[in-house]
Amino acid sequence: MPYFYGVDPSEELTRTHSRENADRIAAWVLEDVSRLDVLMASFFDPDEPVISQRAAMVVGGVARARPQWLLPYLEALTEVIERPGHPALRRAVLRYFSEVEPRWLEPFAGRIVDGALRLTDSPSEPVAVRVFAMQVAANLGGAYPELADELRAMLLVHLPGSQAGFRSRATKILRDLTR
């Protein structure tokens, strides 16, 4: 049982930034789906960037435990990968998108694939963002040969000289795309 039973997790997110704290808040949210709105308000709050970044870790924990709970936020989550902002938010959203059933993302699949390809192609993005983005593009674009070809070409361009995490995931995806 978490020790956190507050009404607003943003106060707890202000206090400290740690995996332990994020797990406590996630456990609190997971006790009652109605608490998710409070967490997501913190995650999407443009006026509190530090709170949003810290909430990203909590949202990730909730998403892995109850992925279907985030479906009502699908459009807002898609917007996170389309606009500038802290990479922690994009990373959390792309990780969620990479782990759910692709059919769940169908209402926004075009926008999600566009964003994922753009982020994969951006060397200025952190490796984790690019890795999750390429996985999302592979998961959603696998049924469309032209998207698979675009992703394959993009990965081959970026593969030489890339960081280990990028190389590892790109190699796996390239292998899967040739099957």
N, C-alpha and C. Protein backbone atom coordinates (compact mmCIF):
# COMPACT_ATOMS: atom_id res chain seq x y z
N MET A 1 0.83 -1.19 0.00
CA MET A 1 0.00 0.00 0.00
C MET A 1 0.87 1.26 0.00
N PRO A 2 0.56 2.21 -0.84
CA PRO A 2 1.34 3.44 -0.86
C PRO A 2 1.02 4.31 0.35
N TYR A 3 1.99 5.10 0.73
CA TYR A 3 1.71 6.03 1.83
C TYR A 3 1.02 7.27 1.32
N PHE A 4 1.01 7.46 0.00
CA PHE A 4 0.44 8.67 -0.60
C PHE A 4 -1.06 8.47 -0.84
N TYR A 5 -1.87 9.24 -0.19
CA TYR A 5 -3.32 9.20 -0.40
C TYR A 5 -3.87 10.60 -0.60
N GLY A 6 -3.10 11.42 -1.28
CA GLY A 6 -3.50 12.81 -1.49
C GLY A 6 -4.58 12.95 -2.53
N VAL A 7 -5.03 14.16 -2.71
CA VAL A 7 -6.04 14.46 -3.71
C VAL A 7 -5.37 14.93 -4.99
N ASP A 8 -4.20 15.51 -4.86
CA ASP A 8 -3.50 16.07 -6.01
C ASP A 8 -2.05 15.57 -6.01
N PRO A 9 -1.73 14.69 -6.94
CA PRO A 9 -0.36 14.16 -6.96
C PRO A 9 0.69 15.20 -7.32
N SER A 10 0.29 16.35 -7.88
CA SER A 10 1.29 17.34 -8.25
C SER A 10 2.06 17.84 -7.03
N GLU A 11 1.41 17.89 -5.86
CA GLU A 11 2.11 18.30 -4.64
C GLU A 11 3.21 17.28 -4.30
N GLU A 12 2.90 16.02 -4.42
CA GLU A 12 3.89 14.98 -4.15
C GLU A 12 4.98 14.98 -5.22
N LEU A 13 4.62 15.27 -6.46
CA LEU A 13 5.61 15.34 -7.54
C LEU A 13 6.55 16.52 -7.35
N THR A 14 6.08 17.58 -6.72
CA THR A 14 6.93 18.74 -6.43
C THR A 14 7.95 18.41 -5.35
N ARG A 15 7.54 17.59 -4.42
CA ARG A 15 8.37 17.27 -3.26
C ARG A 15 9.65 16.54 -3.64
N THR A 16 9.53 15.51 -4.47
CA THR A 16 10.73 14.72 -4.81
C THR A 16 10.54 14.02 -6.15
N HIS A 17 11.66 13.75 -6.79
CA HIS A 17 11.64 13.05 -8.09
C HIS A 17 12.44 11.76 -7.93
N SER A 18 11.71 10.66 -7.82
CA SER A 18 12.38 9.38 -7.67
C SER A 18 11.45 8.28 -8.19
N ARG A 19 12.03 7.15 -8.51
CA ARG A 19 11.25 6.00 -8.94
C ARG A 19 10.29 5.58 -7.82
N GLU A 20 10.79 5.59 -6.58
CA GLU A 20 9.96 5.19 -5.44
C GLU A 20 8.72 6.08 -5.32
N ASN A 21 8.91 7.39 -5.45
CA ASN A 21 7.79 8.32 -5.37
C ASN A 21 6.82 8.10 -6.53
N ALA A 22 7.35 7.93 -7.73
CA ALA A 22 6.50 7.70 -8.90
C ALA A 22 5.69 6.41 -8.73
N ASP A 23 6.32 5.38 -8.20
CA ASP A 23 5.61 4.11 -7.98
C ASP A 23 4.50 4.26 -6.94
N ARG A 24 4.75 5.05 -5.91
CA ARG A 24 3.72 5.28 -4.87
C ARG A 24 2.51 5.99 -5.47
N ILE A 25 2.79 7.02 -6.27
CA ILE A 25 1.69 7.77 -6.87
C ILE A 25 0.94 6.88 -7.87
N ALA A 26 1.68 6.09 -8.65
CA ALA A 26 1.03 5.18 -9.60
C ALA A 26 0.13 4.18 -8.85
N ALA A 27 0.62 3.65 -7.74
CA ALA A 27 -0.18 2.70 -6.96
C ALA A 27 -1.47 3.36 -6.46
N TRP A 28 -1.36 4.62 -6.05
CA TRP A 28 -2.54 5.37 -5.61
C TRP A 28 -3.54 5.52 -6.75
N VAL A 29 -3.06 5.87 -7.94
CA VAL A 29 -3.94 6.03 -9.10
C VAL A 29 -4.56 4.69 -9.47
N LEU A 30 -3.78 3.62 -9.42
CA LEU A 30 -4.27 2.30 -9.82
C LEU A 30 -5.34 1.74 -8.89
N GLU A 31 -5.50 2.33 -7.72
CA GLU A 31 -6.56 1.90 -6.80
C GLU A 31 -7.93 2.35 -7.26
N ASP A 32 -7.99 3.40 -8.11
CA ASP A 32 -9.28 3.97 -8.50
C ASP A 32 -9.10 4.74 -9.81
N VAL A 33 -9.71 4.25 -10.87
CA VAL A 33 -9.55 4.85 -12.20
C VAL A 33 -9.95 6.32 -12.21
N SER A 34 -10.85 6.74 -11.33
CA SER A 34 -11.25 8.15 -11.32
C SER A 34 -10.10 9.07 -10.94
N ARG A 35 -9.05 8.55 -10.33
CA ARG A 35 -7.89 9.35 -9.96
C ARG A 35 -7.00 9.66 -11.16
N LEU A 36 -7.22 8.94 -12.25
CA LEU A 36 -6.39 9.13 -13.43
C LEU A 36 -6.52 10.54 -13.99
N ASP A 37 -7.71 11.11 -13.95
CA ASP A 37 -7.91 12.47 -14.45
C ASP A 37 -7.00 13.48 -13.75
N VAL A 38 -6.82 13.30 -12.46
CA VAL A 38 -5.97 14.21 -11.70
C VAL A 38 -4.52 14.07 -12.16
N LEU A 39 -4.07 12.83 -12.33
CA LEU A 39 -2.70 12.60 -12.80
C LEU A 39 -2.51 13.16 -14.21
N MET A 40 -3.46 12.90 -15.10
CA MET A 40 -3.30 13.34 -16.48
C MET A 40 -3.33 14.86 -16.57
N ALA A 41 -4.07 15.52 -15.70
CA ALA A 41 -4.07 16.99 -15.68
C ALA A 41 -2.66 17.50 -15.36
N SER A 42 -1.98 16.83 -14.45
CA SER A 42 -0.59 17.20 -14.14
C SER A 42 0.32 16.92 -15.33
N PHE A 43 0.13 15.79 -15.98
CA PHE A 43 0.96 15.40 -17.12
C PHE A 43 0.83 16.39 -18.27
N PHE A 44 -0.38 16.85 -18.54
CA PHE A 44 -0.63 17.73 -19.68
C PHE A 44 -0.50 19.22 -19.35
N ASP A 45 -0.19 19.59 -18.11
CA ASP A 45 -0.17 20.99 -17.69
C ASP A 45 1.03 21.74 -18.27
N PRO A 46 0.80 22.62 -19.26
CA PRO A 46 1.93 23.35 -19.88
C PRO A 46 2.52 24.42 -18.95
N ASP A 47 1.78 24.81 -17.94
CA ASP A 47 2.26 25.84 -17.02
C ASP A 47 3.18 25.29 -15.94
N GLU A 48 3.26 23.98 -15.82
CA GLU A 48 4.08 23.33 -14.80
C GLU A 48 4.99 22.28 -15.45
N PRO A 49 6.01 22.72 -16.20
CA PRO A 49 6.82 21.75 -16.94
C PRO A 49 7.54 20.73 -16.06
N VAL A 50 7.98 21.12 -14.88
CA VAL A 50 8.67 20.17 -14.00
C VAL A 50 7.70 19.10 -13.52
N ILE A 51 6.49 19.52 -13.15
CA ILE A 51 5.47 18.57 -12.71
C ILE A 51 5.11 17.63 -13.86
N SER A 52 4.97 18.17 -15.06
CA SER A 52 4.65 17.34 -16.23
C SER A 52 5.72 16.28 -16.46
N GLN A 53 6.99 16.68 -16.37
CA GLN A 53 8.09 15.74 -16.58
C GLN A 53 8.06 14.64 -15.53
N ARG A 54 7.84 15.01 -14.30
CA ARG A 54 7.81 14.02 -13.23
C ARG A 54 6.57 13.13 -13.33
N ALA A 55 5.48 13.71 -13.77
CA ALA A 55 4.25 12.92 -13.96
C ALA A 55 4.42 11.89 -15.07
N ALA A 56 5.32 12.15 -16.01
CA ALA A 56 5.55 11.22 -17.12
C ALA A 56 5.95 9.84 -16.60
N MET A 57 6.77 9.79 -15.56
CA MET A 57 7.19 8.51 -15.00
C MET A 57 5.99 7.78 -14.39
N VAL A 58 5.12 8.52 -13.74
CA VAL A 58 3.93 7.93 -13.13
C VAL A 58 2.97 7.43 -14.22
N VAL A 59 2.76 8.26 -15.23
CA VAL A 59 1.88 7.86 -16.34
C VAL A 59 2.41 6.57 -16.98
N GLY A 60 3.72 6.48 -17.13
CA GLY A 60 4.31 5.26 -17.68
C GLY A 60 4.00 4.04 -16.84
N GLY A 61 4.07 4.17 -15.53
CA GLY A 61 3.76 3.06 -14.64
C GLY A 61 2.30 2.65 -14.73
N VAL A 62 1.42 3.63 -14.77
CA VAL A 62 -0.01 3.34 -14.91
C VAL A 62 -0.29 2.70 -16.27
N ALA A 63 0.35 3.21 -17.31
CA ALA A 63 0.14 2.69 -18.65
C ALA A 63 0.56 1.23 -18.77
N ARG A 64 1.65 0.87 -18.12
CA ARG A 64 2.09 -0.53 -18.19
C ARG A 64 1.16 -1.45 -17.39
N ALA A 65 0.59 -0.93 -16.31
CA ALA A 65 -0.30 -1.76 -15.50
C ALA A 65 -1.72 -1.85 -16.08
N ARG A 66 -2.22 -0.75 -16.59
CA ARG A 66 -3.60 -0.69 -17.12
C ARG A 66 -3.61 0.11 -18.42
N PRO A 67 -3.07 -0.44 -19.49
CA PRO A 67 -2.95 0.34 -20.74
C PRO A 67 -4.28 0.85 -21.27
N GLN A 68 -5.35 0.12 -21.06
CA GLN A 68 -6.66 0.54 -21.57
C GLN A 68 -7.16 1.81 -20.89
N TRP A 69 -6.68 2.11 -19.70
CA TRP A 69 -7.12 3.31 -19.00
C TRP A 69 -6.71 4.58 -19.73
N LEU A 70 -5.68 4.53 -20.54
CA LEU A 70 -5.21 5.73 -21.23
C LEU A 70 -5.90 5.97 -22.57
N LEU A 71 -6.72 5.04 -23.01
CA LEU A 71 -7.38 5.18 -24.31
C LEU A 71 -8.23 6.46 -24.43
N PRO A 72 -8.93 6.90 -23.39
CA PRO A 72 -9.68 8.16 -23.54
C PRO A 72 -8.79 9.39 -23.76
N TYR A 73 -7.50 9.25 -23.50
CA TYR A 73 -6.56 10.36 -23.65
C TYR A 73 -5.76 10.25 -24.95
N LEU A 74 -6.15 9.35 -25.83
CA LEU A 74 -5.36 9.05 -27.02
C LEU A 74 -5.07 10.28 -27.88
N GLU A 75 -6.05 11.12 -28.10
CA GLU A 75 -5.81 12.31 -28.92
C GLU A 75 -4.81 13.25 -28.25
N ALA A 76 -4.98 13.49 -26.96
CA ALA A 76 -4.06 14.38 -26.24
C ALA A 76 -2.66 13.78 -26.20
N LEU A 77 -2.55 12.47 -26.05
CA LEU A 77 -1.24 11.82 -26.06
C LEU A 77 -0.58 11.96 -27.43
N THR A 78 -1.38 11.84 -28.47
CA THR A 78 -0.86 12.01 -29.84
C THR A 78 -0.30 13.43 -30.01
N GLU A 79 -0.98 14.40 -29.46
CA GLU A 79 -0.52 15.79 -29.56
C GLU A 79 0.83 16.00 -28.86
N VAL A 80 1.11 15.21 -27.83
CA VAL A 80 2.39 15.34 -27.12
C VAL A 80 3.56 15.04 -28.06
N ILE A 81 3.41 14.07 -28.95
CA ILE A 81 4.52 13.74 -29.85
C ILE A 81 4.57 14.67 -31.06
N GLU A 82 3.54 15.47 -31.24
CA GLU A 82 3.51 16.38 -32.39
C GLU A 82 4.07 17.76 -32.08
N ARG A 83 4.22 18.10 -30.82
CA ARG A 83 4.63 19.46 -30.47
C ARG A 83 5.94 19.45 -29.69
N PRO A 84 6.61 20.58 -29.67
CA PRO A 84 7.83 20.67 -28.86
C PRO A 84 7.47 20.55 -27.38
N GLY A 85 8.42 20.10 -26.62
CA GLY A 85 8.21 19.95 -25.19
C GLY A 85 9.34 19.10 -24.63
N HIS A 86 9.24 18.78 -23.38
CA HIS A 86 10.30 18.01 -22.74
C HIS A 86 10.30 16.58 -23.29
N PRO A 87 11.48 16.04 -23.58
CA PRO A 87 11.57 14.67 -24.11
C PRO A 87 10.97 13.61 -23.19
N ALA A 88 10.91 13.85 -21.89
CA ALA A 88 10.34 12.85 -20.97
C ALA A 88 8.88 12.56 -21.32
N LEU A 89 8.15 13.57 -21.74
CA LEU A 89 6.76 13.38 -22.11
C LEU A 89 6.65 12.56 -23.38
N ARG A 90 7.46 12.92 -24.39
CA ARG A 90 7.44 12.17 -25.66
C ARG A 90 7.86 10.72 -25.42
N ARG A 91 8.89 10.53 -24.59
CA ARG A 91 9.37 9.18 -24.31
C ARG A 91 8.27 8.33 -23.65
N ALA A 92 7.57 8.89 -22.67
CA ALA A 92 6.51 8.15 -21.98
C ALA A 92 5.38 7.79 -22.95
N VAL A 93 5.00 8.74 -23.78
CA VAL A 93 3.91 8.49 -24.73
C VAL A 93 4.33 7.45 -25.76
N LEU A 94 5.51 7.61 -26.32
CA LEU A 94 5.97 6.66 -27.34
C LEU A 94 6.17 5.26 -26.77
N ARG A 95 6.63 5.17 -25.54
CA ARG A 95 6.76 3.85 -24.92
C ARG A 95 5.38 3.21 -24.81
N TYR A 96 4.39 3.98 -24.35
CA TYR A 96 3.02 3.47 -24.26
C TYR A 96 2.54 3.01 -25.64
N PHE A 97 2.70 3.88 -26.65
CA PHE A 97 2.27 3.52 -28.00
C PHE A 97 2.97 2.26 -28.51
N SER A 98 4.24 2.08 -28.14
CA SER A 98 5.00 0.92 -28.63
C SER A 98 4.58 -0.39 -27.96
N GLU A 99 3.92 -0.28 -26.80
CA GLU A 99 3.59 -1.48 -26.03
C GLU A 99 2.13 -1.91 -26.15
N VAL A 100 1.27 -1.07 -26.72
CA VAL A 100 -0.14 -1.43 -26.81
C VAL A 100 -0.45 -2.08 -28.16
N GLU A 101 -1.60 -2.69 -28.22
CA GLU A 101 -2.06 -3.29 -29.47
C GLU A 101 -2.18 -2.19 -30.53
N PRO A 102 -1.56 -2.37 -31.70
CA PRO A 102 -1.66 -1.33 -32.74
C PRO A 102 -3.10 -0.95 -33.09
N ARG A 103 -4.02 -1.90 -32.99
CA ARG A 103 -5.42 -1.60 -33.34
C ARG A 103 -6.01 -0.55 -32.40
N TRP A 104 -5.50 -0.45 -31.18
CA TRP A 104 -5.99 0.56 -30.23
C TRP A 104 -5.67 1.97 -30.71
N LEU A 105 -4.62 2.10 -31.51
CA LEU A 105 -4.15 3.41 -31.95
C LEU A 105 -4.74 3.84 -33.29
N GLU A 106 -5.55 2.97 -33.90
CA GLU A 106 -6.07 3.22 -35.25
C GLU A 106 -6.73 4.58 -35.46
N PRO A 107 -7.50 5.11 -34.50
CA PRO A 107 -8.13 6.41 -34.77
C PRO A 107 -7.13 7.53 -35.07
N PHE A 108 -5.91 7.39 -34.58
CA PHE A 108 -4.90 8.43 -34.78
C PHE A 108 -3.63 7.87 -35.42
N ALA A 109 -3.74 6.72 -36.05
CA ALA A 109 -2.56 6.02 -36.58
C ALA A 109 -1.76 6.87 -37.55
N GLY A 110 -2.40 7.60 -38.45
CA GLY A 110 -1.68 8.43 -39.40
C GLY A 110 -0.84 9.49 -38.71
N ARG A 111 -1.43 10.18 -37.75
CA ARG A 111 -0.70 11.22 -37.02
C ARG A 111 0.41 10.61 -36.17
N ILE A 112 0.13 9.46 -35.59
CA ILE A 112 1.13 8.81 -34.74
C ILE A 112 2.32 8.36 -35.57
N VAL A 113 2.06 7.75 -36.71
CA VAL A 113 3.16 7.29 -37.58
C VAL A 113 3.96 8.50 -38.08
N ASP A 114 3.29 9.57 -38.49
CA ASP A 114 4.01 10.77 -38.94
C ASP A 114 4.93 11.29 -37.84
N GLY A 115 4.39 11.40 -36.64
CA GLY A 115 5.20 11.88 -35.52
C GLY A 115 6.35 10.94 -35.20
N ALA A 116 6.07 9.64 -35.23
CA ALA A 116 7.10 8.65 -34.93
C ALA A 116 8.22 8.68 -35.96
N LEU A 117 7.89 8.80 -37.22
CA LEU A 117 8.92 8.88 -38.26
C LEU A 117 9.74 10.16 -38.12
N ARG A 118 9.08 11.27 -37.84
CA ARG A 118 9.79 12.55 -37.66
C ARG A 118 10.76 12.47 -36.49
N LEU A 119 10.34 11.87 -35.39
CA LEU A 119 11.20 11.76 -34.21
C LEU A 119 12.34 10.76 -34.43
N THR A 120 12.06 9.68 -35.12
CA THR A 120 13.11 8.71 -35.44
C THR A 120 14.20 9.36 -36.27
N ASP A 121 13.79 10.24 -37.17
CA ASP A 121 14.71 10.89 -38.11
C ASP A 121 15.46 12.07 -37.50
N SER A 122 15.16 12.41 -36.26
CA SER A 122 15.75 13.60 -35.65
C SER A 122 16.92 13.25 -34.74
N PRO A 123 18.16 13.49 -35.20
CA PRO A 123 19.33 13.19 -34.38
C PRO A 123 19.40 14.01 -33.09
N SER A 124 18.66 15.10 -33.01
CA SER A 124 18.68 15.91 -31.79
C SER A 124 17.81 15.33 -30.67
N GLU A 125 16.97 14.38 -31.01
CA GLU A 125 16.13 13.73 -30.00
C GLU A 125 16.97 12.75 -29.18
N PRO A 126 16.66 12.59 -27.89
CA PRO A 126 17.36 11.58 -27.10
C PRO A 126 17.14 10.18 -27.68
N VAL A 127 18.11 9.31 -27.49
CA VAL A 127 18.06 7.97 -28.06
C VAL A 127 16.79 7.23 -27.65
N ALA A 128 16.38 7.32 -26.40
CA ALA A 128 15.19 6.60 -25.94
C ALA A 128 13.95 7.02 -26.72
N VAL A 129 13.82 8.31 -27.00
CA VAL A 129 12.68 8.81 -27.78
C VAL A 129 12.74 8.22 -29.18
N ARG A 130 13.91 8.24 -29.80
CA ARG A 130 14.06 7.73 -31.16
C ARG A 130 13.80 6.23 -31.23
N VAL A 131 14.25 5.50 -30.22
CA VAL A 131 14.07 4.04 -30.20
C VAL A 131 12.59 3.69 -30.08
N PHE A 132 11.89 4.33 -29.15
CA PHE A 132 10.46 4.05 -29.03
C PHE A 132 9.71 4.51 -30.28
N ALA A 133 10.13 5.63 -30.86
CA ALA A 133 9.48 6.14 -32.07
C ALA A 133 9.64 5.16 -33.23
N MET A 134 10.84 4.61 -33.40
CA MET A 134 11.01 3.67 -34.52
C MET A 134 10.20 2.40 -34.30
N GLN A 135 10.05 1.99 -33.03
CA GLN A 135 9.25 0.80 -32.75
C GLN A 135 7.77 1.07 -33.05
N VAL A 136 7.29 2.25 -32.70
CA VAL A 136 5.91 2.62 -33.01
C VAL A 136 5.70 2.63 -34.52
N ALA A 137 6.63 3.24 -35.25
CA ALA A 137 6.51 3.28 -36.71
C ALA A 137 6.51 1.87 -37.29
N ALA A 138 7.34 1.01 -36.77
CA ALA A 138 7.38 -0.38 -37.25
C ALA A 138 6.09 -1.11 -36.92
N ASN A 139 5.59 -0.92 -35.72
CA ASN A 139 4.35 -1.61 -35.31
C ASN A 139 3.16 -1.16 -36.14
N LEU A 140 3.04 0.14 -36.37
CA LEU A 140 1.88 0.66 -37.09
C LEU A 140 2.05 0.64 -38.60
N GLY A 141 3.28 0.73 -39.05
CA GLY A 141 3.52 0.82 -40.49
C GLY A 141 3.79 -0.52 -41.16
N GLY A 142 3.87 -1.57 -40.37
CA GLY A 142 4.20 -2.88 -40.91
C GLY A 142 3.25 -3.38 -41.99
N ALA A 143 1.99 -2.96 -41.92
CA ALA A 143 1.00 -3.42 -42.89
C ALA A 143 1.06 -2.63 -44.20
N TYR A 144 1.85 -1.55 -44.21
CA TYR A 144 1.93 -0.70 -45.39
C TYR A 144 3.34 -0.74 -45.95
N PRO A 145 3.55 -1.41 -47.07
CA PRO A 145 4.91 -1.57 -47.62
C PRO A 145 5.65 -0.25 -47.84
N GLU A 146 4.94 0.80 -48.26
CA GLU A 146 5.62 2.08 -48.51
C GLU A 146 6.14 2.70 -47.21
N LEU A 147 5.41 2.52 -46.11
CA LEU A 147 5.89 3.02 -44.82
C LEU A 147 7.06 2.18 -44.32
N ALA A 148 6.99 0.88 -44.53
CA ALA A 148 8.10 0.00 -44.14
C ALA A 148 9.35 0.39 -44.92
N ASP A 149 9.20 0.69 -46.21
CA ASP A 149 10.34 1.10 -47.03
C ASP A 149 10.93 2.42 -46.53
N GLU A 150 10.05 3.37 -46.16
CA GLU A 150 10.53 4.67 -45.65
C GLU A 150 11.28 4.48 -44.34
N LEU A 151 10.73 3.67 -43.45
CA LEU A 151 11.40 3.42 -42.17
C LEU A 151 12.73 2.71 -42.39
N ARG A 152 12.75 1.72 -43.26
CA ARG A 152 13.98 0.99 -43.55
C ARG A 152 15.07 1.93 -44.06
N ALA A 153 14.73 2.78 -45.01
CA ALA A 153 15.70 3.73 -45.57
C ALA A 153 16.20 4.70 -44.50
N MET A 154 15.28 5.17 -43.66
CA MET A 154 15.64 6.11 -42.60
C MET A 154 16.62 5.46 -41.61
N LEU A 155 16.33 4.24 -41.22
CA LEU A 155 17.20 3.55 -40.26
C LEU A 155 18.58 3.29 -40.85
N LEU A 156 18.63 2.92 -42.11
CA LEU A 156 19.91 2.66 -42.76
C LEU A 156 20.76 3.93 -42.84
N VAL A 157 20.13 5.08 -43.02
CA VAL A 157 20.85 6.34 -43.07
C VAL A 157 21.45 6.67 -41.71
N HIS A 158 20.69 6.43 -40.66
CA HIS A 158 21.12 6.82 -39.31
C HIS A 158 21.96 5.76 -38.60
N LEU A 159 21.98 4.55 -39.10
CA LEU A 159 22.67 3.45 -38.42
C LEU A 159 24.17 3.68 -38.23
N PRO A 160 24.90 4.07 -39.28
CA PRO A 160 26.34 4.29 -39.08
C PRO A 160 26.60 5.42 -38.08
N GLY A 161 27.42 5.13 -37.11
CA GLY A 161 27.78 6.14 -36.13
C GLY A 161 26.73 6.43 -35.08
N SER A 162 25.64 5.67 -35.07
CA SER A 162 24.59 5.91 -34.08
C SER A 162 24.97 5.31 -32.73
N GLN A 163 24.24 5.70 -31.70
CA GLN A 163 24.50 5.18 -30.36
C GLN A 163 24.01 3.73 -30.25
N ALA A 164 24.53 3.04 -29.25
CA ALA A 164 24.28 1.60 -29.10
C ALA A 164 22.78 1.27 -29.03
N GLY A 165 22.01 2.03 -28.27
CA GLY A 165 20.58 1.75 -28.15
C GLY A 165 19.86 1.88 -29.47
N PHE A 166 20.22 2.91 -30.23
CA PHE A 166 19.62 3.11 -31.55
C PHE A 166 20.00 1.96 -32.47
N ARG A 167 21.29 1.62 -32.49
CA ARG A 167 21.78 0.54 -33.35
C ARG A 167 21.09 -0.77 -33.04
N SER A 168 20.96 -1.09 -31.76
CA SER A 168 20.36 -2.35 -31.35
C SER A 168 18.91 -2.46 -31.82
N ARG A 169 18.11 -1.44 -31.55
CA ARG A 169 16.70 -1.50 -31.94
C ARG A 169 16.55 -1.42 -33.45
N ALA A 170 17.34 -0.57 -34.11
CA ALA A 170 17.25 -0.44 -35.56
C ALA A 170 17.59 -1.77 -36.24
N THR A 171 18.61 -2.45 -35.75
CA THR A 171 19.00 -3.75 -36.32
C THR A 171 17.87 -4.75 -36.18
N LYS A 172 17.24 -4.79 -35.03
CA LYS A 172 16.12 -5.70 -34.79
C LYS A 172 14.97 -5.38 -35.74
N ILE A 173 14.64 -4.10 -35.85
CA ILE A 173 13.52 -3.70 -36.71
C ILE A 173 13.83 -3.97 -38.18
N LEU A 174 15.06 -3.69 -38.60
CA LEU A 174 15.44 -3.98 -39.99
C LEU A 174 15.32 -5.47 -40.29
N ARG A 175 15.73 -6.28 -39.35
CA ARG A 175 15.59 -7.73 -39.51
C ARG A 175 14.13 -8.14 -39.64
N ASP A 176 13.27 -7.55 -38.79
CA ASP A 176 11.82 -7.85 -38.85
C ASP A 176 11.19 -7.36 -40.14
N LEU A 177 11.64 -6.21 -40.64
CA LEU A 177 11.07 -5.65 -41.87
C LEU A 177 11.42 -6.47 -43.10
N THR A 178 12.51 -7.21 -43.05
CA THR A 178 12.91 -8.01 -44.22
C THR A 178 12.23 -9.38 -44.25
N ARG A 179 11.51 -9.70 -43.19
CA ARG A 179 10.80 -11.00 -43.15
C ARG A 179 9.55 -10.97 -43.94
